[in-house]
């Protein structure tokens, strides 16, 4: 089959495992027009799943998202079956069973004796090597990853994962089929974490490191990631929602699979939560307390300060223009100037820079500007409502107060971090871009696929590579280099793809 040819609507789809993921995949396939057979080794589970999916179709009809006739027809295409032999006519068998290599290998090995030679096997595994699953098959070329995200009916992304033996025609057919089902498919190579679970690790890891260093509390880091970074959820509330038993297990799995690469190093903070049984929302306690009567802590926000002193905005970049617009709205008078040292704002004796991965104290020492104040990255400085700042130890308190007052007058809530390199959003975005670049460099996916996967799979406000292009690839390179110098760790090594883009003077997507 060609790249653009999906499985025909008359093709029977089988789903083995009818938990939340299996039922969700079955719902998607049935709504797309396929007869779907559901099988589960738990007595009555498949029939229960069919009833649940039919109820979902009825609710969609009640909301006007499906016609009553379409909902009824889709429900009738669902069939609960009792044994593997009932799947003999399937054109595609999707498994969503327990995350066990042995269980998945046995299921597909048993199916090989039952289904036709053209039947495709699509594993929904999120963490097990597709190559390893296929190794137990007589015809491993028919197996590929078909990785949906939970909840499958709502989440748009599907990762099509090719193992070492996967036939290109199989991956292409699954790619076209997922798109025909209303999803956005991306190709990936079978490596630990595929795209999303690999590239997302820094979102948690950098926040955990900042917290472990005592630079800011959980609520403040979360607020900065949401209100400056544009992420829908901060890393700590997201980990609480996912569950630390799950999130920590994925991190450990990826870390071990990459032979203990420091870039994926698990956090002792999260290990403690797992050891305590504090898994997050589902247990009532995680980084936050969800028990009845408990109050979620507020982000640390600096008290109102006075923006005293002459104000100058430097440069003509988008960030400078956003600051000009905000200051004009505030009614404060200011001047414009150019500068060769990258400064953004000046008020009195305080000089404000965007963080470049150095601590404020180091930058002050390197530049000779004692009253150095660093501000964090924002997705859109014109719309952001909060900014994190760090202040050099050499900085005069009055200068720091004036700098904070200036940002407050411009409409930002200001959260002061201890002087940690890279602050929160900048180091996180730099590391996300670095991991995505490494995935591309290693042939796991394309630049477009990496960005699509992170926007659609985990709802990032911008694809990490597109974000790097916006910030400037050289700036991202400098942040990573400075983080590496500050910590002296291989964790912050720079992807060759980023290095090449900088040397060539181009964007990653060029």
Protein backbone atom coordinates (compact mmCIF):
# COMPACT_ATOMS: atom_id res chain seq x y z
CA UNK A 1 0.00 0.00 0.00
CA UNK A 2 1.17 3.55 -0.69
CA UNK A 3 1.85 6.24 1.87
CA UNK A 4 -1.54 7.82 1.22
CA UNK A 5 -3.65 4.65 1.30
CA UNK A 6 -5.41 3.92 4.59
CA UNK A 7 -7.10 0.66 5.46
CA UNK A 8 -10.48 0.61 3.71
CA UNK A 9 -13.60 1.18 5.79
CA UNK A 10 -14.69 -2.41 5.28
CA UNK A 11 -11.50 -3.60 7.00
CA UNK A 12 -12.18 -5.21 10.38
CA UNK A 13 -10.23 -3.72 13.26
CA UNK A 14 -9.51 -5.79 16.37
CA UNK A 15 -8.63 -4.28 19.72
CA UNK A 16 -7.19 -6.54 22.41
CA UNK A 17 -7.35 -5.04 25.89
CA UNK A 18 -10.40 -2.95 26.71
CA UNK A 19 -9.19 -0.63 29.46
CA UNK A 20 -9.33 3.12 28.95
CA UNK A 21 -6.85 3.11 26.07
CA UNK A 22 -8.25 0.08 24.27
CA UNK A 23 -11.82 1.32 24.56
CA UNK A 24 -10.78 4.75 23.35
CA UNK A 25 -9.04 3.33 20.28
CA UNK A 26 -12.06 1.13 19.54
CA UNK A 27 -14.29 4.20 19.74
CA UNK A 28 -12.13 6.07 17.23
CA UNK A 29 -12.07 3.16 14.77
CA UNK A 30 -15.81 2.50 15.00
CA UNK A 31 -16.64 6.16 14.52
CA UNK A 32 -14.42 6.13 11.41
CA UNK A 33 -16.65 3.42 9.91
CA UNK A 34 -14.92 0.14 10.78
CA UNK A 35 -16.37 -2.97 12.32
CA UNK A 36 -14.39 -3.27 15.56
CA UNK A 37 -13.97 -6.49 17.52
CA UNK A 38 -13.04 -6.13 21.18
CA UNK A 39 -11.34 -8.87 23.19
CA UNK A 40 -10.21 -8.94 26.80
CA UNK A 41 -9.02 -11.77 29.01
CA UNK A 42 -11.11 -10.46 31.90
CA UNK A 43 -14.59 -12.04 31.84
CA UNK A 44 -17.22 -9.55 30.71
CA UNK A 45 -14.75 -6.70 30.21
CA UNK A 46 -15.17 -6.51 26.42
CA UNK A 47 -18.96 -6.43 26.63
CA UNK A 48 -18.76 -3.75 29.31
CA UNK A 49 -16.44 -1.71 27.10
CA UNK A 50 -18.88 -1.98 24.19
CA UNK A 51 -21.69 -0.68 26.39
CA UNK A 52 -19.50 2.17 27.58
CA UNK A 53 -18.50 3.21 24.07
CA UNK A 54 -22.11 3.10 22.89
CA UNK A 55 -22.99 5.39 25.78
CA UNK A 56 -20.23 7.74 24.64
CA UNK A 57 -21.71 7.79 21.13
CA UNK A 58 -25.15 8.57 22.59
CA UNK A 59 -23.67 11.47 24.56
CA UNK A 60 -21.99 12.80 21.43
CA UNK A 61 -25.35 12.67 19.69
CA UNK A 62 -27.01 14.51 22.60
CA UNK A 63 -24.38 17.25 22.27
CA UNK A 64 -24.93 17.52 18.53
CA UNK A 65 -21.44 16.26 17.67
CA UNK A 66 -22.83 13.16 15.95
CA UNK A 67 -26.18 12.63 14.31
CA UNK A 68 -28.37 10.10 16.12
CA UNK A 69 -28.16 7.85 13.07
CA UNK A 70 -24.36 8.00 12.97
CA UNK A 71 -24.14 7.31 16.69
CA UNK A 72 -26.44 4.32 16.37
CA UNK A 73 -24.52 2.94 13.38
CA UNK A 74 -21.15 3.38 15.08
CA UNK A 75 -22.39 1.57 18.16
CA UNK A 76 -23.63 -1.34 16.08
CA UNK A 77 -20.19 -1.75 14.53
CA UNK A 78 -18.78 -2.75 17.95
CA UNK A 79 -18.59 -6.47 18.69
CA UNK A 80 -17.39 -8.11 21.90
CA UNK A 81 -15.71 -11.46 21.23
CA UNK A 82 -14.44 -14.21 23.51
CA UNK A 83 -11.32 -15.73 21.96
CA UNK A 84 -8.41 -14.98 19.65
CA UNK A 85 -9.88 -17.23 16.95
CA UNK A 86 -12.70 -14.67 16.57
CA UNK A 87 -10.14 -12.19 15.21
CA UNK A 88 -9.22 -14.28 12.17
CA UNK A 89 -10.72 -11.77 9.69
CA UNK A 90 -9.02 -8.70 11.19
CA UNK A 91 -6.97 -6.44 8.92
CA UNK A 92 -5.40 -4.70 11.91
CA UNK A 93 -4.99 -5.94 15.47
CA UNK A 94 -4.24 -3.22 18.00
CA UNK A 95 -3.10 -4.37 21.41
CA UNK A 96 -3.57 -2.21 24.50
CA UNK A 97 -2.76 -4.82 27.13
CA UNK A 98 -0.44 -4.70 30.11
CA UNK A 99 3.00 -3.09 29.53
CA UNK A 100 4.86 -6.39 29.52
CA UNK A 101 7.22 -7.44 26.75
CA UNK A 102 6.49 -11.13 27.30
CA UNK A 103 2.71 -10.62 27.27
CA UNK A 104 2.81 -8.60 24.05
CA UNK A 105 5.16 -11.07 22.34
CA UNK A 106 2.94 -14.02 23.27
CA UNK A 107 -0.23 -12.29 22.09
CA UNK A 108 1.12 -11.48 18.65
CA UNK A 109 2.92 -14.81 18.28
CA UNK A 110 -0.39 -16.58 19.00
CA UNK A 111 -2.20 -14.30 16.53
CA UNK A 112 0.20 -15.14 13.72
CA UNK A 113 -1.33 -18.60 13.52
CA UNK A 114 -4.85 -17.15 13.34
CA UNK A 115 -4.95 -14.01 11.18
CA UNK A 116 -4.28 -13.66 7.47
CA UNK A 117 -0.83 -12.93 6.02
CA UNK A 118 -1.70 -9.29 5.30
CA UNK A 119 -2.98 -8.50 8.78
CA UNK A 120 -1.08 -5.62 10.43
CA UNK A 121 -0.13 -5.66 14.11
CA UNK A 122 -0.23 -2.26 15.85
CA UNK A 123 1.05 -2.12 19.39
CA UNK A 124 -0.06 0.79 21.56
CA UNK A 125 2.94 0.41 23.84
CA UNK A 126 4.29 3.66 25.26
CA UNK A 127 7.57 2.36 26.63
CA UNK A 128 8.52 -1.05 25.22
CA UNK A 129 10.74 -1.45 22.17
CA UNK A 130 8.74 -2.26 19.05
CA UNK A 131 11.83 -4.06 17.77
CA UNK A 132 11.86 -6.27 20.86
CA UNK A 133 8.16 -7.14 20.55
CA UNK A 134 8.65 -8.04 16.90
CA UNK A 135 11.64 -10.27 17.64
CA UNK A 136 9.30 -13.06 18.78
CA UNK A 137 7.32 -13.05 15.52
CA UNK A 138 7.84 -15.14 12.42
CA UNK A 139 7.03 -12.03 10.35
CA UNK A 140 8.14 -9.01 12.43
CA UNK A 141 7.79 -6.76 9.40
CA UNK A 142 4.01 -6.66 9.97
CA UNK A 143 4.39 -5.06 13.42
CA UNK A 144 4.61 -1.32 14.15
CA UNK A 145 3.81 0.95 17.03
CA UNK A 146 0.41 2.65 16.87
CA UNK A 147 0.75 4.84 19.92
CA UNK A 148 -2.37 6.80 20.85
CA UNK A 149 -2.49 9.25 23.74
CA UNK A 150 -5.05 9.21 26.54
CA UNK A 151 -7.94 9.89 26.07
CA UNK A 152 -7.69 8.48 22.57
CA UNK A 153 -10.97 9.97 21.24
CA UNK A 154 -9.83 13.50 22.19
CA UNK A 155 -6.06 13.51 21.76
CA UNK A 156 -5.07 14.18 18.17
CA UNK A 157 -1.57 12.74 18.04
CA UNK A 158 -0.67 9.19 17.05
CA UNK A 159 2.96 8.07 16.92
CA UNK A 160 3.65 5.51 14.17
CA UNK A 161 6.71 3.69 15.46
CA UNK A 162 8.88 1.56 13.20
CA UNK A 163 10.96 -1.21 14.71
CA UNK A 164 14.11 -2.47 13.06
CA UNK A 165 12.16 -5.04 11.03
CA UNK A 166 8.99 -3.01 10.36
CA UNK A 167 8.10 -2.84 6.68
CA UNK A 168 7.83 0.69 5.32
CA UNK A 169 4.50 -0.20 3.70
CA UNK A 170 3.11 -1.19 7.13
CA UNK A 171 4.20 2.08 8.76
CA UNK A 172 2.87 4.05 5.81
CA UNK A 173 -0.50 2.29 5.93
CA UNK A 174 -0.86 2.95 9.65
CA UNK A 175 0.16 6.59 9.11
CA UNK A 176 -2.54 7.03 6.45
CA UNK A 177 -5.10 5.13 8.52
CA UNK A 178 -4.55 7.25 11.62
CA UNK A 179 -4.95 10.40 9.52
CA UNK A 180 -8.12 8.97 7.95
CA UNK A 181 -9.45 8.46 11.47
CA UNK A 182 -9.13 12.20 12.11
CA UNK A 183 -5.79 12.05 13.90
CA UNK A 184 -2.43 13.62 13.13
CA UNK A 185 0.17 10.90 12.68
CA UNK A 186 3.92 11.31 13.00
CA UNK A 187 6.57 8.76 12.11
CA UNK A 188 9.06 7.72 14.78
CA UNK A 189 11.83 5.19 15.13
CA UNK A 190 11.68 2.63 17.93
CA UNK A 191 13.95 4.21 20.51
CA UNK A 192 13.28 4.72 24.24
CA UNK A 193 10.31 7.01 24.79
CA UNK A 194 9.67 7.37 21.04
CA UNK A 195 9.15 11.13 20.53
CA UNK A 196 6.86 12.50 23.22
CA UNK A 197 7.95 10.52 26.27
CA UNK A 198 11.58 11.19 25.40
CA UNK A 199 11.43 14.88 24.49
CA UNK A 200 9.12 15.73 27.42
CA UNK A 201 11.58 14.56 30.11
CA UNK A 202 13.27 17.98 30.56
CA UNK A 203 9.93 19.63 31.36
CA UNK A 204 9.91 17.67 34.59
CA UNK A 205 13.64 17.29 35.12
CA UNK A 206 14.62 20.96 35.05
CA UNK A 207 11.78 21.99 37.35
CA UNK A 208 12.74 19.24 39.79
CA UNK A 209 16.35 20.39 39.77
CA UNK A 210 15.37 24.03 40.40
CA UNK A 211 13.20 22.92 43.31
CA UNK A 212 15.90 20.64 44.70
CA UNK A 213 18.29 23.60 44.73
CA UNK A 214 15.74 25.61 46.69
CA UNK A 215 15.57 28.33 44.04
CA UNK A 216 11.77 28.50 44.15
CA UNK A 217 8.84 26.51 45.48
CA UNK A 218 6.58 24.25 43.44
CA UNK A 219 3.71 26.72 43.11
CA UNK A 220 6.02 29.51 41.93
CA UNK A 221 7.76 27.38 39.32
CA UNK A 222 4.37 26.15 38.09
CA UNK A 223 3.02 29.70 37.87
CA UNK A 224 6.03 30.92 35.88
CA UNK A 225 5.74 28.03 33.42
CA UNK A 226 2.04 28.78 32.90
CA UNK A 227 1.96 32.57 33.03
CA UNK A 228 5.27 33.26 31.26
CA UNK A 229 5.92 30.04 29.34
CA UNK A 230 2.36 29.56 28.15
CA UNK A 231 2.22 25.90 29.20
CA UNK A 232 -1.27 24.73 30.14
CA UNK A 233 -0.05 23.18 33.37
CA UNK A 234 3.09 23.68 35.39
CA UNK A 235 5.43 20.68 35.71
CA UNK A 236 4.56 19.87 39.32
CA UNK A 237 0.79 20.00 38.90
CA UNK A 238 1.17 17.98 35.70
CA UNK A 239 3.21 15.29 37.46
CA UNK A 240 0.59 15.21 40.22
CA UNK A 241 -2.13 14.71 37.60
CA UNK A 242 -0.24 11.98 35.70
CA UNK A 243 0.68 10.22 38.94
CA UNK A 244 4.21 9.88 40.26
CA UNK A 245 4.10 6.12 40.07
CA UNK A 246 3.58 6.46 36.31
CA UNK A 247 5.72 9.54 35.61
CA UNK A 248 8.67 8.32 37.70
CA UNK A 249 8.47 4.88 36.09
CA UNK A 250 8.63 6.39 32.60
CA UNK A 251 11.60 8.56 33.58
CA UNK A 252 13.40 5.53 35.02
CA UNK A 253 12.58 3.46 31.95
CA UNK A 254 14.00 6.06 29.57
CA UNK A 255 17.05 6.66 31.80
CA UNK A 256 17.89 2.95 31.99
CA UNK A 257 17.24 2.43 28.28
CA UNK A 258 19.75 5.17 27.47
CA UNK A 259 22.33 3.47 29.70
CA UNK A 260 21.97 5.96 32.56
CA UNK A 261 22.48 9.06 30.42
CA UNK A 262 22.56 12.02 32.85
CA UNK A 263 20.15 13.94 30.64
CA UNK A 264 17.36 11.63 31.84
CA UNK A 265 18.50 11.29 35.45
CA UNK A 266 15.52 10.64 37.79
CA UNK A 267 14.96 13.00 40.72
CA UNK A 268 15.41 12.11 44.37
CA UNK A 269 12.47 14.40 45.19
CA UNK A 270 10.14 12.32 43.04
CA UNK A 271 11.66 9.10 44.37
CA UNK A 272 10.70 10.22 47.88
CA UNK A 273 7.10 10.85 46.82
CA UNK A 274 6.88 7.40 45.24
CA UNK A 275 8.42 5.78 48.33
CA UNK A 276 5.84 7.55 50.49
CA UNK A 277 2.93 6.50 48.28
CA UNK A 278 2.18 10.15 47.54
CA UNK A 279 1.33 9.65 43.86
CA UNK A 280 -0.53 12.92 43.34
CA UNK A 281 -4.21 13.60 42.83
CA UNK A 282 -5.24 9.95 42.86
CA UNK A 283 -3.84 9.44 46.37
CA UNK A 284 -4.65 12.89 47.72
CA UNK A 285 -1.05 13.99 48.12
CA UNK A 286 1.85 14.70 45.79
CA UNK A 287 3.70 17.94 45.39
CA UNK A 288 0.42 19.49 46.46
CA UNK A 289 -2.12 18.40 49.07
CA UNK A 290 -5.48 17.47 47.52
CA UNK A 291 -7.17 16.28 50.67
CA UNK A 292 -10.41 17.90 51.76
CA UNK A 293 -9.82 21.28 53.31
CA UNK A 294 -6.26 21.62 52.02
CA UNK A 295 -5.39 24.87 50.28
CA UNK A 296 -3.15 24.98 47.24
CA UNK A 297 -0.24 27.32 47.98
CA UNK A 298 0.01 30.56 46.04
CA UNK A 299 3.00 31.48 43.92
CA UNK A 300 5.55 33.72 45.59
CA UNK A 301 5.04 37.23 44.27
CA UNK A 302 7.17 40.24 45.14
CA UNK A 303 5.49 43.02 47.11
CA UNK A 304 4.84 46.25 45.21
CA UNK A 305 8.01 48.25 44.57
CA UNK A 306 8.59 51.77 43.23
CA UNK A 307 10.15 52.10 39.75
CA UNK A 308 12.46 54.95 40.72
CA UNK A 309 15.03 56.27 38.27
CA UNK A 310 15.56 57.03 34.60
CA UNK A 311 14.20 54.27 32.35
CA UNK A 312 15.80 53.17 29.08
CA UNK A 313 14.69 50.41 26.70
CA UNK A 314 17.53 48.98 24.63
CA UNK A 315 17.42 47.46 21.17
CA UNK A 316 14.70 47.01 18.57
CA UNK A 317 13.91 43.30 18.89
CA UNK A 318 10.43 41.91 19.48
CA UNK A 319 11.04 41.71 23.24
CA UNK A 320 12.09 45.36 23.40
CA UNK A 321 9.02 46.40 21.41
CA UNK A 322 6.77 44.42 23.75
CA UNK A 323 8.33 46.21 26.72
CA UNK A 324 7.88 49.57 25.01
CA UNK A 325 4.20 48.84 24.47
CA UNK A 326 3.72 47.79 28.10
CA UNK A 327 5.55 50.81 29.46
CA UNK A 328 3.56 53.15 27.23
CA UNK A 329 0.40 51.62 28.64
CA UNK A 330 1.72 52.13 32.18
CA UNK A 331 2.25 55.85 31.62
CA UNK A 332 5.92 55.76 32.60
CA UNK A 333 8.29 57.90 30.56
CA UNK A 334 11.35 56.21 29.07
CA UNK A 335 14.05 56.58 26.45
CA UNK A 336 15.33 54.30 23.70
CA UNK A 337 18.93 53.35 22.97
CA UNK A 338 21.10 50.63 21.49
CA UNK A 339 23.56 48.53 23.48
CA UNK A 340 26.31 46.08 22.62
CA UNK A 341 26.09 43.93 25.76
CA UNK A 342 22.57 42.56 25.27
CA UNK A 343 20.91 44.63 27.98
CA UNK A 344 17.14 45.01 27.63
CA UNK A 345 16.13 47.57 30.23
CA UNK A 346 17.77 50.02 32.58
CA UNK A 347 16.26 51.87 35.49
CA UNK A 348 18.48 54.02 37.65
CA UNK A 349 21.55 51.90 38.33
CA UNK A 350 19.84 48.53 37.65
CA UNK A 351 20.44 46.78 34.33
CA UNK A 352 18.02 44.03 33.22
CA UNK A 353 19.02 41.24 30.82
CA UNK A 354 17.25 38.15 29.49
CA UNK A 355 18.91 35.14 31.10
CA UNK A 356 21.52 33.41 28.96
CA UNK A 357 22.06 30.41 31.23
CA UNK A 358 24.57 32.10 33.52
CA UNK A 359 23.64 33.07 37.05
CA UNK A 360 23.07 36.78 37.64
CA UNK A 361 26.09 36.81 39.92
CA UNK A 362 28.34 35.31 37.25
CA UNK A 363 27.00 37.65 34.58
CA UNK A 364 27.61 40.64 36.85
CA UNK A 365 31.16 39.45 37.47
CA UNK A 366 31.81 38.80 33.77
CA UNK A 367 30.40 42.16 32.64
CA UNK A 368 31.39 44.41 35.51
CA UNK A 369 27.73 45.48 35.88
CA UNK A 370 27.19 44.95 39.61
CA UNK A 371 23.48 45.79 39.59
CA UNK A 372 22.54 42.96 37.24
CA UNK A 373 18.97 41.62 37.24
CA UNK A 374 18.04 38.70 34.99
CA UNK A 375 14.54 38.06 33.68
CA UNK A 376 13.23 34.76 32.42
CA UNK A 377 12.06 33.77 28.97
CA UNK A 378 8.40 34.30 28.09
CA UNK A 379 6.45 32.80 25.20
CA UNK A 380 5.09 36.27 24.44
CA UNK A 381 6.37 39.21 26.45
CA UNK A 382 3.42 41.30 25.28
CA UNK A 383 0.91 38.92 26.88
CA UNK A 384 2.78 37.26 29.76
CA UNK A 385 1.41 38.04 33.21
CA UNK A 386 4.35 36.89 35.33
CA UNK A 387 8.13 36.88 35.06
CA UNK A 388 10.77 35.19 37.16
CA UNK A 389 13.83 37.25 38.05
CA UNK A 390 17.21 36.55 39.61
CA UNK A 391 19.45 39.19 41.15
CA UNK A 392 23.25 39.25 41.38
CA UNK A 393 24.70 39.04 44.87
CA UNK A 394 26.58 42.27 44.07
CA UNK A 395 23.31 44.09 43.31
CA UNK A 396 22.35 47.00 45.54
CA UNK A 397 18.94 46.41 47.20
CA UNK A 398 17.65 49.75 45.99
CA UNK A 399 18.56 48.90 42.40
CA UNK A 400 16.86 45.51 42.73
CA UNK A 401 13.72 47.20 44.12
CA UNK A 402 13.64 49.65 41.20
CA UNK A 403 13.99 46.82 38.68
CA UNK A 404 11.16 44.85 40.26
CA UNK A 405 9.03 47.99 40.38
CA UNK A 406 9.65 48.61 36.69
CA UNK A 407 8.46 45.13 35.74
CA UNK A 408 5.44 45.49 38.01
CA UNK A 409 4.58 48.83 36.43
CA UNK A 410 4.77 47.08 33.05
CA UNK A 411 2.05 44.70 34.26
CA UNK A 412 4.02 41.65 35.38
CA UNK A 413 3.66 39.79 38.62
CA UNK A 414 7.29 39.25 39.63
CA UNK A 415 8.60 36.08 41.26
CA UNK A 416 12.13 36.29 42.57
CA UNK A 417 14.16 33.07 42.35
CA UNK A 418 17.39 32.40 44.12
CA UNK A 419 20.20 33.00 41.65
CA UNK A 420 19.87 29.74 39.71
CA UNK A 421 21.37 29.54 36.21
CA UNK A 422 18.81 29.80 33.42
CA UNK A 423 15.81 30.45 35.70
CA UNK A 424 12.74 28.31 34.89
CA UNK A 425 11.27 28.82 31.43
CA UNK A 426 14.52 29.53 29.58
CA UNK A 427 16.39 26.47 30.77
CA UNK A 428 13.33 24.27 30.26
CA UNK A 429 12.74 25.45 26.69
CA UNK A 430 16.45 25.16 25.89
CA UNK A 431 16.52 21.57 27.14
CA UNK A 432 13.27 20.65 25.37
CA UNK A 433 14.69 22.04 22.13
CA UNK A 434 17.98 20.23 22.73
CA UNK A 435 16.26 16.88 23.27
CA UNK A 436 14.03 17.36 20.23
CA UNK A 437 17.09 18.28 18.18
CA UNK A 438 18.89 15.16 19.36
CA UNK A 439 15.89 13.00 18.42
CA UNK A 440 15.97 14.50 14.92
CA UNK A 441 19.74 14.18 14.71
CA UNK A 442 19.48 10.48 15.59
CA UNK A 443 16.84 9.82 12.95
CA UNK A 444 13.99 9.23 15.38
CA UNK A 445 11.74 11.79 13.66
CA UNK A 446 11.79 14.90 11.50
CA UNK A 447 11.89 18.50 12.73
CA UNK A 448 8.23 18.87 11.80
CA UNK A 449 7.34 15.57 13.48
CA UNK A 450 9.08 16.57 16.72
CA UNK A 451 7.20 19.86 16.91
CA UNK A 452 3.86 18.30 15.96
CA UNK A 453 4.29 15.57 18.53
CA UNK A 454 4.96 17.96 21.40
CA UNK A 455 2.19 20.39 20.48
CA UNK A 456 -0.43 17.72 19.95
CA UNK A 457 0.75 15.00 22.33
CA UNK A 458 1.35 17.13 25.42
CA UNK A 459 -0.22 20.45 24.40
CA UNK A 460 2.94 22.54 24.42
CA UNK A 461 2.24 26.13 23.34
CA UNK A 462 4.97 25.91 20.69
CA UNK A 463 6.95 23.10 19.16
CA UNK A 464 10.34 23.11 20.91
CA UNK A 465 12.34 23.45 17.68
CA UNK A 466 10.11 26.24 16.38
CA UNK A 467 10.51 27.88 19.78
CA UNK A 468 14.29 27.62 19.48
CA UNK A 469 14.08 29.33 16.10
CA UNK A 470 12.04 32.16 17.67
CA UNK A 471 14.42 32.65 20.56
CA UNK A 472 17.41 32.25 18.26
CA UNK A 473 19.32 29.01 17.84
CA UNK A 474 22.57 30.72 18.87
CA UNK A 475 20.88 31.96 22.06
CA UNK A 476 19.69 28.44 22.87
CA UNK A 477 23.21 27.13 22.22
CA UNK A 478 24.62 29.75 24.60
CA UNK A 479 22.11 28.89 27.33
CA UNK A 480 23.04 25.20 27.10
CA UNK A 481 26.76 25.97 27.06
CA UNK A 482 26.45 28.22 30.10
CA UNK A 483 24.34 25.67 31.98
CA UNK A 484 26.94 23.04 31.18
CA UNK A 485 29.72 25.29 32.44
CA UNK A 486 27.78 26.15 35.60
CA UNK A 487 27.00 22.56 36.54
CA UNK A 488 29.97 20.81 34.95
CA UNK A 489 27.70 18.02 33.72
CA UNK A 490 27.22 16.14 30.48
CA UNK A 491 23.48 16.62 31.04
CA UNK A 492 23.66 19.94 29.16
CA UNK A 493 25.73 18.79 26.18
CA UNK A 494 24.59 20.50 23.01
CA UNK A 495 22.94 18.54 20.22
CA UNK A 496 24.99 18.41 17.01
CA UNK A 497 21.90 19.58 15.12
CA UNK A 498 21.86 22.83 17.12
CA UNK A 499 25.60 23.24 16.67
CA UNK A 500 25.33 22.81 12.91
CA UNK A 501 22.48 25.29 12.66
CA UNK A 502 24.49 27.90 14.58
CA UNK A 503 27.63 27.34 12.50
CA UNK A 504 25.60 27.59 9.30
CA UNK A 505 23.79 30.72 10.47
CA UNK A 506 20.37 29.21 9.89
CA UNK A 507 17.26 28.23 11.81
CA UNK A 508 16.62 24.59 12.63
CA UNK A 509 13.58 24.51 10.34
CA UNK A 510 15.39 26.10 7.37
